[in-house]
């Protein structure tokens, strides 16, 4: 069977039913590393970058600068991408622009992505869990006032107009909140701590003086949507982090990946993600993400569908180890007694097994 036939015969839904996401993510990474389509180091760096370096603090810095510098505010509202990049924040301009919408006493802005989860990663990090839910994506457009009041405890006066901005793969939106009263004597660094991630999405409004103390990650409570615990990790399981990083590494989006990208624009993955979300909106988000990734690698001819299924079976059965998941070592098998035959590469490179 050639690659075209293998892609046509590939059944991602069957793979989903038969194997847990951990086995599937391990299969994909180990095979892609073996074929030298990406490196473990590139995947590690992407995970670490999005967990530790890219986040709402960047957006909070932008907001605080706009509050204290009128000229910067004007540039930000005129050309958000250029103004943000002037603060040494890297926006992937080949795949997206960022447009900033300012709140005022009579206008409140709300950001959503009705297709999937398009979001200004460079300034806000990865989207919160609730942002990706079908409930938020549909209700933000259909009943934004009710959504804000019932799910985020934000009860706006009837004379405040709500403008909803639907992000796309090319254009991402961010809200510039009003500066809270009583902060006139604070400098830029102190103001950063008063900006919340939710205010930059538009489900929080700082005009009432709500203050965050962690540089933009404190959020309001929600009564109906997914848990908004600010201490909730970016990725709740290692396979989620790996699946995310594999998709970024295989496209032109995201931080530098050692030149790995194979010329595939982000849209090649995003189209499949949108299709997966449409196929089953009730599925967990990163399950949808992983299924889209599986379709990408097979349909783009990077891996054969039967090869992916066979490798997932080996991981699910315990015939391959977590060591191989990390390093893609073809010698990392387990013998009949459960003893691995790997050569310790994971430890020598400083990788802990599944620590992400």
C-alpha atoms as a PDB file:
ATOM      1  CA  UNK A   1       0.000   0.000   0.000  1.00  0.00           C
ATOM      2  CA  UNK A   2       1.476   3.367  -1.026  1.00  0.00           C
ATOM      3  CA  UNK A   3       1.239   6.517   1.084  1.00  0.00           C
ATOM      4  CA  UNK A   4      -1.833   7.790  -0.780  1.00  0.00           C
ATOM      5  CA  UNK A   5      -3.745   4.558  -0.237  1.00  0.00           C
ATOM      6  CA  UNK A   6      -2.646   4.433   3.383  1.00  0.00           C
ATOM      7  CA  UNK A   7      -3.930   7.967   3.968  1.00  0.00           C
ATOM      8  CA  UNK A   8      -7.247   7.151   2.312  1.00  0.00           C
ATOM      9  CA  UNK A   9      -7.640   4.040   4.458  1.00  0.00           C
ATOM     10  CA  UNK A  10      -6.650   5.763   7.700  1.00  0.00           C
ATOM     11  CA  UNK A  11      -9.444   5.684  10.265  1.00  0.00           C
ATOM     12  CA  UNK A  12      -8.723   8.284  12.952  1.00  0.00           C
ATOM     13  CA  UNK A  13     -11.990   7.508  14.719  1.00  0.00           C
ATOM     14  CA  UNK A  14     -10.993   3.850  15.079  1.00  0.00           C
ATOM     15  CA  UNK A  15      -7.626   4.892  16.472  1.00  0.00           C
ATOM     16  CA  UNK A  16      -9.474   7.054  18.968  1.00  0.00           C
ATOM     17  CA  UNK A  17     -11.715   4.209  20.077  1.00  0.00           C
ATOM     18  CA  UNK A  18      -8.989   1.604  20.405  1.00  0.00           C
ATOM     19  CA  UNK A  19      -6.155   3.501  22.084  1.00  0.00           C
ATOM     20  CA  UNK A  20      -5.945   6.028  24.881  1.00  0.00           C
ATOM     21  CA  UNK A  21      -4.513   9.459  24.028  1.00  0.00           C
ATOM     22  CA  UNK A  22      -1.256   8.810  25.834  1.00  0.00           C
ATOM     23  CA  UNK A  23      -0.401   5.807  23.629  1.00  0.00           C
ATOM     24  CA  UNK A  24      -1.332   7.754  20.491  1.00  0.00           C
ATOM     25  CA  UNK A  25       0.723  10.819  21.417  1.00  0.00           C
ATOM     26  CA  UNK A  26       3.704   8.630  22.288  1.00  0.00           C
ATOM     27  CA  UNK A  27       3.363   6.831  18.968  1.00  0.00           C
ATOM     28  CA  UNK A  28       3.339  10.064  16.989  1.00  0.00           C
ATOM     29  CA  UNK A  29       6.331  11.614  18.730  1.00  0.00           C
ATOM     30  CA  UNK A  30       8.510   8.522  18.621  1.00  0.00           C
ATOM     31  CA  UNK A  31       7.809   7.947  14.908  1.00  0.00           C
ATOM     32  CA  UNK A  32       8.388  11.588  13.960  1.00  0.00           C
ATOM     33  CA  UNK A  33      11.668  11.630  15.885  1.00  0.00           C
ATOM     34  CA  UNK A  34      12.768   8.368  14.251  1.00  0.00           C
ATOM     35  CA  UNK A  35      12.101   9.853  10.799  1.00  0.00           C
ATOM     36  CA  UNK A  36      14.018  12.997  11.828  1.00  0.00           C
ATOM     37  CA  UNK A  37      11.038  15.193  11.015  1.00  0.00           C
ATOM     38  CA  UNK A  38      11.526  16.901  14.363  1.00  0.00           C
ATOM     39  CA  UNK A  39      13.695  16.591  17.435  1.00  0.00           C
ATOM     40  CA  UNK A  40      12.909  15.853  21.054  1.00  0.00           C
ATOM     41  CA  UNK A  41      14.753  19.042  21.986  1.00  0.00           C
ATOM     42  CA  UNK A  42      12.465  21.139  19.763  1.00  0.00           C
ATOM     43  CA  UNK A  43       9.369  19.589  21.332  1.00  0.00           C
ATOM     44  CA  UNK A  44      10.745  20.091  24.846  1.00  0.00           C
ATOM     45  CA  UNK A  45      11.506  23.723  24.141  1.00  0.00           C
ATOM     46  CA  UNK A  46       8.032  24.451  22.776  1.00  0.00           C
ATOM     47  CA  UNK A  47       6.398  22.900  25.838  1.00  0.00           C
ATOM     48  CA  UNK A  48       8.669  24.838  28.193  1.00  0.00           C
ATOM     49  CA  UNK A  49       8.163  28.097  26.285  1.00  0.00           C
ATOM     50  CA  UNK A  50       4.388  27.959  26.424  1.00  0.00           C
ATOM     51  CA  UNK A  51       4.286  26.717  30.019  1.00  0.00           C
ATOM     52  CA  UNK A  52       6.864  29.081  31.471  1.00  0.00           C
ATOM     53  CA  UNK A  53       7.551  32.055  29.194  1.00  0.00           C
ATOM     54  CA  UNK A  54       4.549  32.962  27.055  1.00  0.00           C
ATOM     55  CA  UNK A  55       1.560  34.021  29.075  1.00  0.00           C
ATOM     56  CA  UNK A  56      -0.789  36.778  30.217  1.00  0.00           C
ATOM     57  CA  UNK A  57       2.080  38.744  31.748  1.00  0.00           C
ATOM     58  CA  UNK A  58       3.049  39.926  28.259  1.00  0.00           C
ATOM     59  CA  UNK A  59      -0.447  41.243  27.692  1.00  0.00           C
ATOM     60  CA  UNK A  60      -0.468  42.884  31.108  1.00  0.00           C
ATOM     61  CA  UNK A  61       2.737  44.735  30.193  1.00  0.00           C
ATOM     62  CA  UNK A  62       1.131  45.991  26.985  1.00  0.00           C
ATOM     63  CA  UNK A  63      -1.957  47.223  28.833  1.00  0.00           C
ATOM     64  CA  UNK A  64       0.064  48.959  31.553  1.00  0.00           C
ATOM     65  CA  UNK A  65       2.157  50.726  28.903  1.00  0.00           C
ATOM     66  CA  UNK A  66      -0.997  51.915  27.131  1.00  0.00           C
ATOM     67  CA  UNK A  67      -2.371  53.242  30.402  1.00  0.00           C
ATOM     68  CA  UNK A  68       0.740  55.351  31.039  1.00  0.00           C
ATOM     69  CA  UNK A  69       1.802  56.371  27.522  1.00  0.00           C
ATOM     70  CA  UNK A  70      -0.817  58.042  25.315  1.00  0.00           C
ATOM     71  CA  UNK A  71       1.355  57.841  22.202  1.00  0.00           C
ATOM     72  CA  UNK A  72       1.827  54.102  22.686  1.00  0.00           C
ATOM     73  CA  UNK A  73      -1.913  53.684  23.253  1.00  0.00           C
ATOM     74  CA  UNK A  74      -2.620  55.385  19.934  1.00  0.00           C
ATOM     75  CA  UNK A  75      -0.131  53.116  18.136  1.00  0.00           C
ATOM     76  CA  UNK A  76      -1.585  50.061  19.866  1.00  0.00           C
ATOM     77  CA  UNK A  77      -5.120  50.808  18.701  1.00  0.00           C
ATOM     78  CA  UNK A  78      -3.936  51.724  15.203  1.00  0.00           C
ATOM     79  CA  UNK A  79      -1.558  48.775  14.653  1.00  0.00           C
ATOM     80  CA  UNK A  80      -1.623  46.327  17.541  1.00  0.00           C
ATOM     81  CA  UNK A  81       0.926  43.940  16.060  1.00  0.00           C
ATOM     82  CA  UNK A  82       3.595  46.606  15.519  1.00  0.00           C
ATOM     83  CA  UNK A  83       3.040  48.220  18.907  1.00  0.00           C
ATOM     84  CA  UNK A  84       3.259  44.876  20.710  1.00  0.00           C
ATOM     85  CA  UNK A  85       6.424  43.911  18.855  1.00  0.00           C
ATOM     86  CA  UNK A  86       7.978  47.259  19.832  1.00  0.00           C
ATOM     87  CA  UNK A  87       7.966  45.894  23.396  1.00  0.00           C
ATOM     88  CA  UNK A  88      10.128  42.923  22.333  1.00  0.00           C
ATOM     89  CA  UNK A  89       7.162  40.567  22.374  1.00  0.00           C
ATOM     90  CA  UNK A  90       7.388  38.200  19.422  1.00  0.00           C
ATOM     91  CA  UNK A  91       4.173  38.020  17.411  1.00  0.00           C
ATOM     92  CA  UNK A  92       4.291  35.418  14.649  1.00  0.00           C
ATOM     93  CA  UNK A  93       3.389  37.930  11.960  1.00  0.00           C
ATOM     94  CA  UNK A  94       3.543  35.329   9.180  1.00  0.00           C
ATOM     95  CA  UNK A  95       0.492  33.609  10.619  1.00  0.00           C
ATOM     96  CA  UNK A  96      -1.449  36.298  12.466  1.00  0.00           C
ATOM     97  CA  UNK A  97      -2.012  39.936  13.355  1.00  0.00           C
ATOM     98  CA  UNK A  98      -3.256  41.203  16.714  1.00  0.00           C
ATOM     99  CA  UNK A  99      -5.918  43.894  16.840  1.00  0.00           C
ATOM    100  CA  UNK A 100      -6.631  45.648  20.154  1.00  0.00           C
ATOM    101  CA  UNK A 101     -10.085  46.958  21.083  1.00  0.00           C
ATOM    102  CA  UNK A 102     -10.413  49.516  23.891  1.00  0.00           C
ATOM    103  CA  UNK A 103     -13.178  49.529  26.487  1.00  0.00           C
ATOM    104  CA  UNK A 104     -14.688  52.846  27.519  1.00  0.00           C
ATOM    105  CA  UNK A 105     -17.572  53.815  29.826  1.00  0.00           C
ATOM    106  CA  UNK A 106     -20.174  53.110  27.119  1.00  0.00           C
ATOM    107  CA  UNK A 107     -18.543  50.177  25.294  1.00  0.00           C
ATOM    108  CA  UNK A 108     -17.410  46.751  26.422  1.00  0.00           C
ATOM    109  CA  UNK A 109     -15.484  44.402  24.125  1.00  0.00           C
ATOM    110  CA  UNK A 110     -15.617  40.604  24.250  1.00  0.00           C
ATOM    111  CA  UNK A 111     -13.326  38.208  22.372  1.00  0.00           C
ATOM    112  CA  UNK A 112     -14.300  34.750  21.123  1.00  0.00           C
ATOM    113  CA  UNK A 113     -13.331  32.285  18.411  1.00  0.00           C
ATOM    114  CA  UNK A 114     -16.431  30.583  17.040  1.00  0.00           C
ATOM    115  CA  UNK A 115     -14.438  28.220  14.791  1.00  0.00           C
ATOM    116  CA  UNK A 116     -12.085  26.640  17.316  1.00  0.00           C
ATOM    117  CA  UNK A 117      -9.725  28.418  19.734  1.00  0.00           C
ATOM    118  CA  UNK A 118      -7.861  31.149  17.813  1.00  0.00           C
ATOM    119  CA  UNK A 119      -6.240  33.287  20.477  1.00  0.00           C
ATOM    120  CA  UNK A 120      -3.363  35.824  20.712  1.00  0.00           C
ATOM    121  CA  UNK A 121      -0.804  33.415  22.162  1.00  0.00           C
ATOM    122  CA  UNK A 122       2.054  35.926  22.133  1.00  0.00           C
ATOM    123  CA  UNK A 123       0.327  38.222  24.618  1.00  0.00           C
ATOM    124  CA  UNK A 124      -2.090  35.971  26.511  1.00  0.00           C
ATOM    125  CA  UNK A 125      -0.420  32.549  26.433  1.00  0.00           C
ATOM    126  CA  UNK A 126      -2.608  29.525  25.786  1.00  0.00           C
ATOM    127  CA  UNK A 127      -6.387  29.959  25.986  1.00  0.00           C
ATOM    128  CA  UNK A 128      -8.123  28.986  29.225  1.00  0.00           C
ATOM    129  CA  UNK A 129     -10.189  25.808  29.209  1.00  0.00           C
ATOM    130  CA  UNK A 130     -13.545  27.589  29.151  1.00  0.00           C
ATOM    131  CA  UNK A 131     -12.578  29.683  26.105  1.00  0.00           C
ATOM    132  CA  UNK A 132     -12.456  26.484  24.027  1.00  0.00           C
ATOM    133  CA  UNK A 133     -15.835  25.120  25.119  1.00  0.00           C
ATOM    134  CA  UNK A 134     -18.827  25.001  22.747  1.00  0.00           C
ATOM    135  CA  UNK A 135     -20.884  26.764  25.438  1.00  0.00           C
ATOM    136  CA  UNK A 136     -18.643  29.823  25.509  1.00  0.00           C
ATOM    137  CA  UNK A 137     -18.112  29.930  21.730  1.00  0.00           C
ATOM    138  CA  UNK A 138     -21.801  29.875  20.950  1.00  0.00           C
ATOM    139  CA  UNK A 139     -23.182  31.965  23.790  1.00  0.00           C
ATOM    140  CA  UNK A 140     -20.636  34.761  23.414  1.00  0.00           C
ATOM    141  CA  UNK A 141     -22.234  35.532  20.060  1.00  0.00           C
ATOM    142  CA  UNK A 142     -25.843  34.636  20.831  1.00  0.00           C
ATOM    143  CA  UNK A 143     -26.218  36.128  24.320  1.00  0.00           C
ATOM    144  CA  UNK A 144     -23.050  37.949  25.422  1.00  0.00           C
ATOM    145  CA  UNK A 145     -24.776  39.977  28.135  1.00  0.00           C
ATOM    146  CA  UNK A 146     -26.309  36.876  29.699  1.00  0.00           C
ATOM    147  CA  UNK A 147     -22.999  34.999  29.428  1.00  0.00           C
ATOM    148  CA  UNK A 148     -21.102  37.736  31.235  1.00  0.00           C
ATOM    149  CA  UNK A 149     -23.739  38.108  33.937  1.00  0.00           C
ATOM    150  CA  UNK A 150     -24.476  34.438  34.608  1.00  0.00           C
ATOM    151  CA  UNK A 151     -21.098  32.808  34.042  1.00  0.00           C
ATOM    152  CA  UNK A 152     -18.611  35.532  35.005  1.00  0.00           C
ATOM    153  CA  UNK A 153     -20.537  37.655  37.505  1.00  0.00           C
ATOM    154  CA  UNK A 154     -20.106  40.693  35.261  1.00  0.00           C
ATOM    155  CA  UNK A 155     -23.417  42.545  35.192  1.00  0.00           C
ATOM    156  CA  UNK A 156     -23.143  45.442  32.745  1.00  0.00           C
ATOM    157  CA  UNK A 157     -25.613  48.296  32.692  1.00  0.00           C
ATOM    158  CA  UNK A 158     -28.102  48.195  29.837  1.00  0.00           C
ATOM    159  CA  UNK A 159     -26.657  51.375  28.338  1.00  0.00           C
ATOM    160  CA  UNK A 160     -23.214  49.740  27.924  1.00  0.00           C
ATOM    161  CA  UNK A 161     -22.927  48.376  24.388  1.00  0.00           C
ATOM    162  CA  UNK A 162     -21.228  44.976  24.045  1.00  0.00           C
ATOM    163  CA  UNK A 163     -19.147  44.434  20.916  1.00  0.00           C
ATOM    164  CA  UNK A 164     -18.141  40.828  20.179  1.00  0.00           C
ATOM    165  CA  UNK A 165     -14.975  40.191  18.164  1.00  0.00           C
ATOM    166  CA  UNK A 166     -14.612  36.798  16.491  1.00  0.00           C
ATOM    167  CA  UNK A 167     -10.947  35.816  16.139  1.00  0.00           C
ATOM    168  CA  UNK A 168      -9.678  33.981  13.066  1.00  0.00           C
ATOM    169  CA  UNK A 169      -6.473  32.216  12.116  1.00  0.00           C
ATOM    170  CA  UNK A 170      -5.194  35.451  10.547  1.00  0.00           C
ATOM    171  CA  UNK A 171      -6.534  37.998  13.038  1.00  0.00           C
ATOM    172  CA  UNK A 172      -6.588  37.677  16.815  1.00  0.00           C
ATOM    173  CA  UNK A 173      -8.221  40.177  19.154  1.00  0.00           C
ATOM    174  CA  UNK A 174      -7.254  41.501  22.567  1.00  0.00           C
ATOM    175  CA  UNK A 175      -9.140  43.897  24.835  1.00  0.00           C
ATOM    176  CA  UNK A 176      -7.585  47.025  26.313  1.00  0.00           C
ATOM    177  CA  UNK A 177      -9.452  47.431  29.632  1.00  0.00           C
ATOM    178  CA  UNK A 178     -10.157  50.787  31.194  1.00  0.00           C
ATOM    179  CA  UNK A 179      -7.641  51.815  33.807  1.00  0.00           C
ATOM    180  CA  UNK A 180      -9.118  51.107  37.267  1.00  0.00           C
ATOM    181  CA  UNK A 181      -9.970  54.116  39.416  1.00  0.00           C
ATOM    182  CA  UNK A 182      -7.601  54.859  42.260  1.00  0.00           C
ATOM    183  CA  UNK A 183      -4.470  53.787  40.340  1.00  0.00           C
ATOM    184  CA  UNK A 184      -3.350  57.254  39.260  1.00  0.00           C
ATOM    185  CA  UNK A 185      -0.272  57.176  41.488  1.00  0.00           C
ATOM    186  CA  UNK A 186       0.958  53.746  40.335  1.00  0.00           C
ATOM    187  CA  UNK A 187       3.827  53.337  37.885  1.00  0.00           C
ATOM    188  CA  UNK A 188       3.865  50.961  34.937  1.00  0.00           C
ATOM    189  CA  UNK A 189       5.359  48.012  36.829  1.00  0.00           C
ATOM    190  CA  UNK A 190       2.751  48.356  39.584  1.00  0.00           C
ATOM    191  CA  UNK A 191      -0.079  48.627  37.067  1.00  0.00           C
ATOM    192  CA  UNK A 192       0.928  45.316  35.472  1.00  0.00           C
ATOM    193  CA  UNK A 193      -0.301  43.604  38.627  1.00  0.00           C
ATOM    194  CA  UNK A 194      -3.751  45.154  38.209  1.00  0.00           C
ATOM    195  CA  UNK A 195      -4.385  43.559  34.807  1.00  0.00           C
ATOM    196  CA  UNK A 196      -6.188  40.228  34.568  1.00  0.00           C
ATOM    197  CA  UNK A 197      -6.145  37.753  31.730  1.00  0.00           C
ATOM    198  CA  UNK A 198      -9.939  37.726  31.753  1.00  0.00           C
ATOM    199  CA  UNK A 199     -10.057  41.505  31.331  1.00  0.00           C
ATOM    200  CA  UNK A 200      -7.931  41.172  28.182  1.00  0.00           C
ATOM    201  CA  UNK A 201     -10.441  38.629  26.828  1.00  0.00           C
ATOM    202  CA  UNK A 202     -13.387  40.752  27.933  1.00  0.00           C
ATOM    203  CA  UNK A 203     -15.067  38.596  30.572  1.00  0.00           C
ATOM    204  CA  UNK A 204     -13.778  40.837  33.350  1.00  0.00           C
ATOM    205  CA  UNK A 205     -13.997  44.637  33.601  1.00  0.00           C
ATOM    206  CA  UNK A 206     -11.466  46.474  35.711  1.00  0.00           C
ATOM    207  CA  UNK A 207     -13.439  49.682  36.031  1.00  0.00           C
ATOM    208  CA  UNK A 208     -14.725  48.557  39.406  1.00  0.00           C
ATOM    209  CA  UNK A 209     -11.224  48.313  40.795  1.00  0.00           C
ATOM    210  CA  UNK A 210     -10.790  44.513  40.680  1.00  0.00           C
ATOM    211  CA  UNK A 211      -7.093  43.874  41.175  1.00  0.00           C
ATOM    212  CA  UNK A 212      -4.942  40.895  40.324  1.00  0.00           C
ATOM    213  CA  UNK A 213      -1.739  40.243  42.197  1.00  0.00           C
ATOM    214  CA  UNK A 214       0.005  37.865  39.838  1.00  0.00           C
ATOM    215  CA  UNK A 215       0.626  39.811  36.659  1.00  0.00           C
ATOM    216  CA  UNK A 216      -2.512  38.899  34.836  1.00  0.00           C
ATOM    217  CA  UNK A 217      -3.410  35.332  35.729  1.00  0.00           C
ATOM    218  CA  UNK A 218      -5.985  35.811  38.480  1.00  0.00           C
ATOM    219  CA  UNK A 219      -9.479  35.274  37.121  1.00  0.00           C
ATOM    220  CA  UNK A 220     -13.004  35.805  38.302  1.00  0.00           C
ATOM    221  CA  UNK A 221     -15.021  32.802  39.385  1.00  0.00           C
ATOM    222  CA  UNK A 222     -17.475  31.133  37.052  1.00  0.00           C
ATOM    223  CA  UNK A 223     -20.698  29.455  38.059  1.00  0.00           C
ATOM    224  CA  UNK A 224     -21.304  27.388  34.934  1.00  0.00           C
ATOM    225  CA  UNK A 225     -18.277  27.153  32.673  1.00  0.00           C
ATOM    226  CA  UNK A 226     -15.200  25.007  33.200  1.00  0.00           C
ATOM    227  CA  UNK A 227     -13.015  25.467  36.261  1.00  0.00           C
ATOM    228  CA  UNK A 228     -11.236  28.847  36.228  1.00  0.00           C
ATOM    229  CA  UNK A 229      -8.757  27.983  38.966  1.00  0.00           C
ATOM    230  CA  UNK A 230      -5.724  30.248  38.290  1.00  0.00           C
ATOM    231  CA  UNK A 231      -3.417  27.518  39.596  1.00  0.00           C
ATOM    232  CA  UNK A 232      -4.697  25.009  37.062  1.00  0.00           C
ATOM    233  CA  UNK A 233      -1.743  23.896  34.893  1.00  0.00           C
ATOM    234  CA  UNK A 234      -1.533  24.825  31.238  1.00  0.00           C
ATOM    235  CA  UNK A 235      -1.477  21.128  30.362  1.00  0.00           C
ATOM    236  CA  UNK A 236      -3.122  18.617  32.664  1.00  0.00           C
ATOM    237  CA  UNK A 237      -1.397  15.525  31.257  1.00  0.00           C
ATOM    238  CA  UNK A 238       1.906  14.912  29.481  1.00  0.00           C
ATOM    239  CA  UNK A 239       0.200  13.776  26.279  1.00  0.00           C
ATOM    240  CA  UNK A 240      -1.600  17.131  26.018  1.00  0.00           C
ATOM    241  CA  UNK A 241       1.667  19.065  26.168  1.00  0.00           C
ATOM    242  CA  UNK A 242       3.320  16.747  23.663  1.00  0.00           C
ATOM    243  CA  UNK A 243       0.385  16.837  21.240  1.00  0.00           C
ATOM    244  CA  UNK A 244       0.342  20.627  21.353  1.00  0.00           C
ATOM    245  CA  UNK A 245       4.092  20.900  20.778  1.00  0.00           C
ATOM    246  CA  UNK A 246       4.115  18.370  17.934  1.00  0.00           C
ATOM    247  CA  UNK A 247       1.548  20.398  15.987  1.00  0.00           C
ATOM    248  CA  UNK A 248       3.503  23.618  16.532  1.00  0.00           C
ATOM    249  CA  UNK A 249       6.798  21.970  15.558  1.00  0.00           C
ATOM    250  CA  UNK A 250       5.352  20.556  12.339  1.00  0.00           C
ATOM    251  CA  UNK A 251       4.100  23.949  11.124  1.00  0.00           C
ATOM    252  CA  UNK A 252       5.455  27.423  10.744  1.00  0.00           C
ATOM    253  CA  UNK A 253       3.630  28.706  13.834  1.00  0.00           C
ATOM    254  CA  UNK A 254       5.078  29.110  17.291  1.00  0.00           C
ATOM    255  CA  UNK A 255       8.597  29.780  18.558  1.00  0.00           C
ATOM    256  CA  UNK A 256      11.785  28.768  16.743  1.00  0.00           C
ATOM    257  CA  UNK A 257      11.890  25.011  16.275  1.00  0.00           C
ATOM    258  CA  UNK A 258      15.411  24.431  14.956  1.00  0.00           C
ATOM    259  CA  UNK A 259      14.220  25.062  11.425  1.00  0.00           C
ATOM    260  CA  UNK A 260      11.713  22.238  11.667  1.00  0.00           C
ATOM    261  CA  UNK A 261       8.447  23.106  10.002  1.00  0.00           C
ATOM    262  CA  UNK A 262       8.620  21.296   6.691  1.00  0.00           C
ATOM    263  CA  UNK A 263       7.067  24.284   4.926  1.00  0.00           C
ATOM    264  CA  UNK A 264       3.559  23.613   6.268  1.00  0.00           C
ATOM    265  CA  UNK A 265       1.632  26.711   7.310  1.00  0.00           C
ATOM    266  CA  UNK A 266      -0.387  26.666  10.503  1.00  0.00           C
ATOM    267  CA  UNK A 267      -3.593  26.534   8.473  1.00  0.00           C
ATOM    268  CA  UNK A 268      -2.815  22.983   7.376  1.00  0.00           C
ATOM    269  CA  UNK A 269      -3.301  21.900  10.970  1.00  0.00           C
ATOM    270  CA  UNK A 270      -6.007  24.400  11.895  1.00  0.00           C
ATOM    271  CA  UNK A 271      -8.357  23.222   9.137  1.00  0.00           C
ATOM    272  CA  UNK A 272      -8.240  19.734  10.591  1.00  0.00           C
ATOM    273  CA  UNK A 273      -8.762  21.020  14.121  1.00  0.00           C
ATOM    274  CA  UNK A 274     -11.849  22.946  13.050  1.00  0.00           C
ATOM    275  CA  UNK A 275     -13.166  19.805  11.341  1.00  0.00           C
ATOM    276  CA  UNK A 276     -12.568  17.713  14.475  1.00  0.00           C
ATOM    277  CA  UNK A 277     -14.415  20.237  16.639  1.00  0.00           C
ATOM    278  CA  UNK A 278     -17.324  20.257  14.202  1.00  0.00           C
ATOM    279  CA  UNK A 279     -17.326  16.458  14.140  1.00  0.00           C
ATOM    280  CA  UNK A 280     -17.747  16.129  17.905  1.00  0.00           C
ATOM    281  CA  UNK A 281     -18.094  19.342  19.895  1.00  0.00           C
ATOM    282  CA  UNK A 282     -18.586  17.410  23.131  1.00  0.00           C
ATOM    283  CA  UNK A 283     -15.135  15.788  23.008  1.00  0.00           C
ATOM    284  CA  UNK A 284     -12.394  17.189  25.285  1.00  0.00           C
ATOM    285  CA  UNK A 285     -10.412  19.884  23.484  1.00  0.00           C
ATOM    286  CA  UNK A 286      -7.028  18.170  23.466  1.00  0.00           C
ATOM    287  CA  UNK A 287      -8.652  14.940  22.276  1.00  0.00           C
ATOM    288  CA  UNK A 288      -9.848  16.961  19.289  1.00  0.00           C
ATOM    289  CA  UNK A 289      -6.370  18.433  18.928  1.00  0.00           C
ATOM    290  CA  UNK A 290      -4.709  15.001  18.953  1.00  0.00           C
ATOM    291  CA  UNK A 291      -7.149  13.600  16.397  1.00  0.00           C
ATOM    292  CA  UNK A 292      -6.442  16.578  14.121  1.00  0.00           C
ATOM    293  CA  UNK A 293      -2.713  15.972  14.523  1.00  0.00           C
ATOM    294  CA  UNK A 294      -3.115  12.296  13.603  1.00  0.00           C
ATOM    295  CA  UNK A 295      -4.976  13.247  10.456  1.00  0.00           C
ATOM    296  CA  UNK A 296      -2.330  15.846   9.601  1.00  0.00           C
ATOM    297  CA  UNK A 297       0.649  13.489   9.750  1.00  0.00           C
ATOM    298  CA  UNK A 298      -1.118  10.795   7.722  1.00  0.00           C
ATOM    299  CA  UNK A 299      -2.891  12.968   5.147  1.00  0.00           C
ATOM    300  CA  UNK A 300       0.263  15.044   4.578  1.00  0.00           C
ATOM    301  CA  UNK A 301       2.206  11.835   3.974  1.00  0.00           C
ATOM    302  CA  UNK A 302       4.535  12.198   6.964  1.00  0.00           C
ATOM    303  CA  UNK A 303       3.543   8.840   8.451  1.00  0.00           C
ATOM    304  CA  UNK A 304       1.481   5.897   7.277  1.00  0.00           C
ATOM    305  CA  UNK A 305      -1.802   5.329   9.069  1.00  0.00           C
ATOM    306  CA  UNK A 306      -1.079   1.649   9.698  1.00  0.00           C
ATOM    307  CA  UNK A 307       2.331   2.559  11.103  1.00  0.00           C
ATOM    308  CA  UNK A 308       0.740   4.982  13.576  1.00  0.00           C
ATOM    309  CA  UNK A 309      -1.832   2.382  14.642  1.00  0.00           C
ATOM    310  CA  UNK A 310       0.812  -0.333  15.047  1.00  0.00           C
ATOM    311  CA  UNK A 311       3.037   1.921  17.138  1.00  0.00           C
ATOM    312  CA  UNK A 312       0.119   3.004  19.341  1.00  0.00           C
ATOM    313  CA  UNK A 313      -0.674  -0.664  19.881  1.00  0.00           C
ATOM    314  CA  UNK A 314       2.898  -1.311  20.999  1.00  0.00           C
ATOM    315  CA  UNK A 315       2.808   1.522  23.512  1.00  0.00           C
ATOM    316  CA  UNK A 316      -0.636   0.514  24.785  1.00  0.00           C
ATOM    317  CA  UNK A 317       0.559  -3.071  25.263  1.00  0.00           C
ATOM    318  CA  UNK A 318       3.692  -1.966  27.095  1.00  0.00           C
ATOM    319  CA  UNK A 319       5.985  -3.289  24.375  1.00  0.00           C
ATOM    320  CA  UNK A 320       7.609   0.126  24.131  1.00  0.00           C
ATOM    321  CA  UNK A 321       8.631   2.342  27.009  1.00  0.00           C
ATOM    322  CA  UNK A 322       8.225   5.956  28.030  1.00  0.00           C
ATOM    323  CA  UNK A 323      11.943   6.262  27.281  1.00  0.00           C
ATOM    324  CA  UNK A 324      11.201   5.751  23.618  1.00  0.00           C
ATOM    325  CA  UNK A 325       8.340   8.235  23.788  1.00  0.00           C
ATOM    326  CA  UNK A 326      10.814  10.858  24.912  1.00  0.00           C
ATOM    327  CA  UNK A 327      13.768  10.030  22.681  1.00  0.00           C
ATOM    328  CA  UNK A 328      12.304   7.960  19.850  1.00  0.00           C
ATOM    329  CA  UNK A 329      14.950   5.323  20.463  1.00  0.00           C
ATOM    330  CA  UNK A 330      14.167   2.256  18.333  1.00  0.00           C
ATOM    331  CA  UNK A 331      16.021   0.140  20.894  1.00  0.00           C
ATOM    332  CA  UNK A 332      13.840   1.191  23.809  1.00  0.00           C
ATOM    333  CA  UNK A 333      11.748  -1.985  23.836  1.00  0.00           C
ATOM    334  CA  UNK A 334      10.645  -3.943  26.872  1.00  0.00           C
ATOM    335  CA  UNK A 335      11.424  -7.632  27.127  1.00  0.00           C
ATOM    336  CA  UNK A 336       9.068 -10.297  28.359  1.00  0.00           C
ATOM    337  CA  UNK A 337       9.956  -9.613  31.984  1.00  0.00           C
ATOM    338  CA  UNK A 338       9.131  -5.906  31.643  1.00  0.00           C
ATOM    339  CA  UNK A 339      12.754  -4.761  31.652  1.00  0.00           C
ATOM    340  CA  UNK A 340      13.629  -2.000  29.252  1.00  0.00           C
ATOM    341  CA  UNK A 341      16.573  -2.287  26.873  1.00  0.00           C
ATOM    342  CA  UNK A 342      17.050   1.434  26.364  1.00  0.00           C
ATOM    343  CA  UNK A 343      20.455   2.999  26.759  1.00  0.00           C
ATOM    344  CA  UNK A 344      19.596   5.757  29.185  1.00  0.00           C
ATOM    345  CA  UNK A 345      19.485   8.536  26.603  1.00  0.00           C
ATOM    346  CA  UNK A 346      16.591  10.191  28.379  1.00  0.00           C
ATOM    347  CA  UNK A 347      18.669  10.724  31.489  1.00  0.00           C
ATOM    348  CA  UNK A 348      21.802  11.744  29.637  1.00  0.00           C
ATOM    349  CA  UNK A 349      19.881  14.497  27.843  1.00  0.00           C
ATOM    350  CA  UNK A 350      18.296  15.675  31.053  1.00  0.00           C
ATOM    351  CA  UNK A 351      14.764  14.602  30.084  1.00  0.00           C
ATOM    352  CA  UNK A 352      12.558  13.184  32.772  1.00  0.00           C
ATOM    353  CA  UNK A 353      10.036  10.685  31.511  1.00  0.00           C
ATOM    354  CA  UNK A 354       6.695  12.390  30.980  1.00  0.00           C
ATOM    355  CA  UNK A 355       7.557  15.201  33.399  1.00  0.00           C
ATOM    356  CA  UNK A 356       5.591  17.619  31.264  1.00  0.00           C
END
